[in-house]
Amino acid sequence: LLRLREIAESHGVSFTSVAGLPEREAMGRRAVGARIEFQASDHRVAALLSSLERGPAFLFIRRAQLSAAGSEELGEDAVTASVEVYGVTGWPRS
């Protein structure tokens, strides 16, 4: 969860909700997951989602649900996002 929060903060986003998900197996490794929810401009949401899968940590988006938020505070391009993210533990470093 720390890595998820760091990525969000780097894009100026705060999570409105975080919940753990059941463990899964991925590539013979244990994967731990979280469902994160947040609101942000469409540009910030796109940047955050892109950062999740291209960063140095092995994070994978399993499911994402996006909807228009139309927030006065965030502008008419605001998006509400609910995303399931999994990270692989015990990955060998090369």
C-alpha atoms as a PDB file:
ATOM      1  CA  LEU A   1       0.000   0.000   0.000  1.00  0.00           C
ATOM      2  CA  LEU A   2       2.897   2.324   0.613  1.00  0.00           C
ATOM      3  CA  ARG A   3       3.949   2.176  -3.049  1.00  0.00           C
ATOM      4  CA  LEU A   4       0.359   2.896  -4.157  1.00  0.00           C
ATOM      5  CA  ARG A   5       0.181   5.947  -1.898  1.00  0.00           C
ATOM      6  CA  GLU A   6       3.557   7.197  -3.138  1.00  0.00           C
ATOM      7  CA  ILE A   7       2.381   6.958  -6.747  1.00  0.00           C
ATOM      8  CA  ALA A   8      -0.884   8.740  -5.917  1.00  0.00           C
ATOM      9  CA  GLU A   9       0.911  11.530  -4.047  1.00  0.00           C
ATOM     10  CA  SER A  10       3.331  12.025  -6.939  1.00  0.00           C
ATOM     11  CA  HIS A  11       0.275  12.816  -9.112  1.00  0.00           C
ATOM     12  CA  GLY A  12      -1.446  15.007  -6.509  1.00  0.00           C
ATOM     13  CA  VAL A  13      -4.170  12.425  -5.823  1.00  0.00           C
ATOM     14  CA  SER A  14      -5.548  11.232  -2.472  1.00  0.00           C
ATOM     15  CA  PHE A  15      -7.441   7.969  -2.115  1.00  0.00           C
ATOM     16  CA  THR A  16     -10.991   8.204  -0.804  1.00  0.00           C
ATOM     17  CA  SER A  17     -11.048   4.480  -0.012  1.00  0.00           C
ATOM     18  CA  VAL A  18      -8.554   1.608   0.226  1.00  0.00           C
ATOM     19  CA  ALA A  19      -9.532  -2.029   0.847  1.00  0.00           C
ATOM     20  CA  GLY A  20      -7.488  -5.230   0.785  1.00  0.00           C
ATOM     21  CA  LEU A  21      -8.342  -7.943  -1.751  1.00  0.00           C
ATOM     22  CA  PRO A  22      -7.853 -11.720  -1.487  1.00  0.00           C
ATOM     23  CA  GLU A  23      -4.412 -13.006  -2.473  1.00  0.00           C
ATOM     24  CA  ARG A  24      -4.000 -14.471  -5.960  1.00  0.00           C
ATOM     25  CA  GLU A  25      -1.281 -16.410  -7.720  1.00  0.00           C
ATOM     26  CA  ALA A  26       0.559 -14.754 -10.605  1.00  0.00           C
ATOM     27  CA  MET A  27       3.446 -16.325 -12.500  1.00  0.00           C
ATOM     28  CA  GLY A  28       3.971 -18.825  -9.683  1.00  0.00           C
ATOM     29  CA  ARG A  29       4.244 -16.020  -7.117  1.00  0.00           C
ATOM     30  CA  ARG A  30       1.932 -14.679  -4.451  1.00  0.00           C
ATOM     31  CA  ALA A  31       0.113 -11.496  -5.478  1.00  0.00           C
ATOM     32  CA  VAL A  32      -1.464  -9.186  -2.911  1.00  0.00           C
ATOM     33  CA  GLY A  33      -4.116  -6.716  -3.927  1.00  0.00           C
ATOM     34  CA  ALA A  34      -6.012  -3.605  -2.988  1.00  0.00           C
ATOM     35  CA  ARG A  35      -9.045  -1.786  -4.295  1.00  0.00           C
ATOM     36  CA  ILE A  36      -8.380   1.945  -4.414  1.00  0.00           C
ATOM     37  CA  GLU A  37     -10.926   4.662  -5.059  1.00  0.00           C
ATOM     38  CA  PHE A  38     -10.272   8.302  -5.832  1.00  0.00           C
ATOM     39  CA  GLN A  39     -11.436  11.364  -7.763  1.00  0.00           C
ATOM     40  CA  ALA A  40      -9.220  13.515  -9.953  1.00  0.00           C
ATOM     41  CA  SER A  41      -9.085  15.238 -13.326  1.00  0.00           C
ATOM     42  CA  ASP A  42      -9.057  12.887 -16.283  1.00  0.00           C
ATOM     43  CA  HIS A  43      -5.396  13.777 -16.952  1.00  0.00           C
ATOM     44  CA  ARG A  44      -4.319  12.905 -13.396  1.00  0.00           C
ATOM     45  CA  VAL A  45      -6.291   9.637 -13.447  1.00  0.00           C
ATOM     46  CA  ALA A  46      -4.669   8.622 -16.749  1.00  0.00           C
ATOM     47  CA  ALA A  47      -1.186   9.505 -15.463  1.00  0.00           C
ATOM     48  CA  LEU A  48      -1.691   7.631 -12.187  1.00  0.00           C
ATOM     49  CA  LEU A  49      -2.998   4.488 -13.907  1.00  0.00           C
ATOM     50  CA  SER A  50      -0.106   4.555 -16.360  1.00  0.00           C
ATOM     51  CA  SER A  51       2.405   4.914 -13.506  1.00  0.00           C
ATOM     52  CA  LEU A  52       1.017   1.878 -11.701  1.00  0.00           C
ATOM     53  CA  GLU A  53       2.051  -0.580 -14.390  1.00  0.00           C
ATOM     54  CA  ARG A  54       5.229   1.057 -15.694  1.00  0.00           C
ATOM     55  CA  GLY A  55       6.977   1.768 -12.407  1.00  0.00           C
ATOM     56  CA  PRO A  56       9.784  -0.225 -10.796  1.00  0.00           C
ATOM     57  CA  ALA A  57       7.355  -2.203  -8.585  1.00  0.00           C
ATOM     58  CA  PHE A  58       5.534  -5.167 -10.123  1.00  0.00           C
ATOM     59  CA  LEU A  59       2.006  -3.733  -9.945  1.00  0.00           C
ATOM     60  CA  PHE A  60      -0.792  -4.844 -12.251  1.00  0.00           C
ATOM     61  CA  ILE A  61      -4.257  -3.375 -12.787  1.00  0.00           C
ATOM     62  CA  ARG A  62      -6.795  -6.192 -12.717  1.00  0.00           C
ATOM     63  CA  ARG A  63      -9.959  -4.123 -13.027  1.00  0.00           C
ATOM     64  CA  ALA A  64     -10.723  -0.424 -13.407  1.00  0.00           C
ATOM     65  CA  GLN A  65     -14.071   1.333 -13.350  1.00  0.00           C
ATOM     66  CA  LEU A  66     -14.149   4.991 -14.335  1.00  0.00           C
ATOM     67  CA  SER A  67     -17.117   7.366 -14.363  1.00  0.00           C
ATOM     68  CA  ALA A  68     -17.650  11.087 -14.825  1.00  0.00           C
ATOM     69  CA  ALA A  69     -17.664  12.905 -11.489  1.00  0.00           C
ATOM     70  CA  GLY A  70     -18.471  16.456 -12.619  1.00  0.00           C
ATOM     71  CA  SER A  71     -17.040  17.910  -9.420  1.00  0.00           C
ATOM     72  CA  GLU A  72     -17.095  21.711  -9.011  1.00  0.00           C
ATOM     73  CA  GLU A  73     -13.859  21.494  -7.048  1.00  0.00           C
ATOM     74  CA  LEU A  74     -12.053  19.328  -9.626  1.00  0.00           C
ATOM     75  CA  GLY A  75     -13.738  20.673 -12.768  1.00  0.00           C
ATOM     76  CA  GLU A  76     -16.034  19.194 -15.338  1.00  0.00           C
ATOM     77  CA  ASP A  77     -13.324  16.764 -16.523  1.00  0.00           C
ATOM     78  CA  ALA A  78     -13.261  15.078 -13.086  1.00  0.00           C
ATOM     79  CA  VAL A  79     -13.359  11.285 -12.961  1.00  0.00           C
ATOM     80  CA  THR A  80     -14.251   8.879 -10.164  1.00  0.00           C
ATOM     81  CA  ALA A  81     -12.044   5.778 -10.303  1.00  0.00           C
ATOM     82  CA  SER A  82     -12.285   2.385  -8.615  1.00  0.00           C
ATOM     83  CA  VAL A  83      -9.249   0.240  -9.393  1.00  0.00           C
ATOM     84  CA  GLU A  84      -8.126  -3.232  -8.325  1.00  0.00           C
ATOM     85  CA  VAL A  85      -4.327  -3.401  -8.228  1.00  0.00           C
ATOM     86  CA  TYR A  86      -2.160  -6.444  -7.493  1.00  0.00           C
ATOM     87  CA  GLY A  87       1.509  -6.571  -6.686  1.00  0.00           C
ATOM     88  CA  VAL A  88       3.740  -9.639  -6.961  1.00  0.00           C
ATOM     89  CA  THR A  89       5.725 -10.398  -3.829  1.00  0.00           C
ATOM     90  CA  GLY A  90       9.085 -12.126  -3.690  1.00  0.00           C
ATOM     91  CA  TRP A  91      10.089 -11.225  -7.247  1.00  0.00           C
ATOM     92  CA  PRO A  92      13.786 -11.930  -7.878  1.00  0.00           C
ATOM     93  CA  ARG A  93      15.880  -8.832  -8.527  1.00  0.00           C
ATOM     94  CA  SER A  94      18.176  -8.870 -11.524  1.00  0.00           C
END
